[in-house]
Amino acid sequence: MAKGRILGPFWFLIGLGIVTIITHTYSLLLIAAYGRRLDLMYKILFFFWTYVVFFEAIVYWRIRYKNVSPKASWGHVILMGIALVIPVMMYPLAGYFTRRVNGDYLAVVKAMQLGMKVALYGGLFISHVLFIGVLVKARAPRKVEFVEGSENLLDDVD
């Protein structure tokens, strides 16, 4: 059982939220630089995982004293971070591999998109299974240990 408060996952998620805001804003600026416009609903959905990251940071702040499984908490936040960062890193890799594979750009892009989807959804699924486990353990009733001889504390009172 963890003693004290567990704040590491909270700060990790705050940092991850800031990184996702920066990367998504940069992506939107790139899309705008190419002259394409996105409607408001797409922009809201574009930042959906940023909202989820900050919501989970608030949840970790709320259960900081009740978190009895810090390893699962760290597993959740690290897997979520990897799942959100790997797809962003795969675009430059796609450009590198297309130059190496005789310019067969379409096949490499399709393979990269499949890899990005597997990394994103697989990592997010596993990380949120861990997150649900952390929440269940944090909300479970704790066993109270009785001290020998403390059954009738008020017997001495007349």
Foldseek 3Di string as FASTA:
>chain_A
DDADFDLVLLVLLVVLLVVLVVLLVVVVVVCVVVVDDDDPVVSCVSCVVSVVSNVVSVVSVVLGRLQPDVVLSVLLSVLQSQLVVVLVVVVVVLVVVCVVPVNPNVVSVVVSVVVNVCSNVVSNVVSVVSVVVRVVSSPDDDDDDDDPPPPCVCPVPD
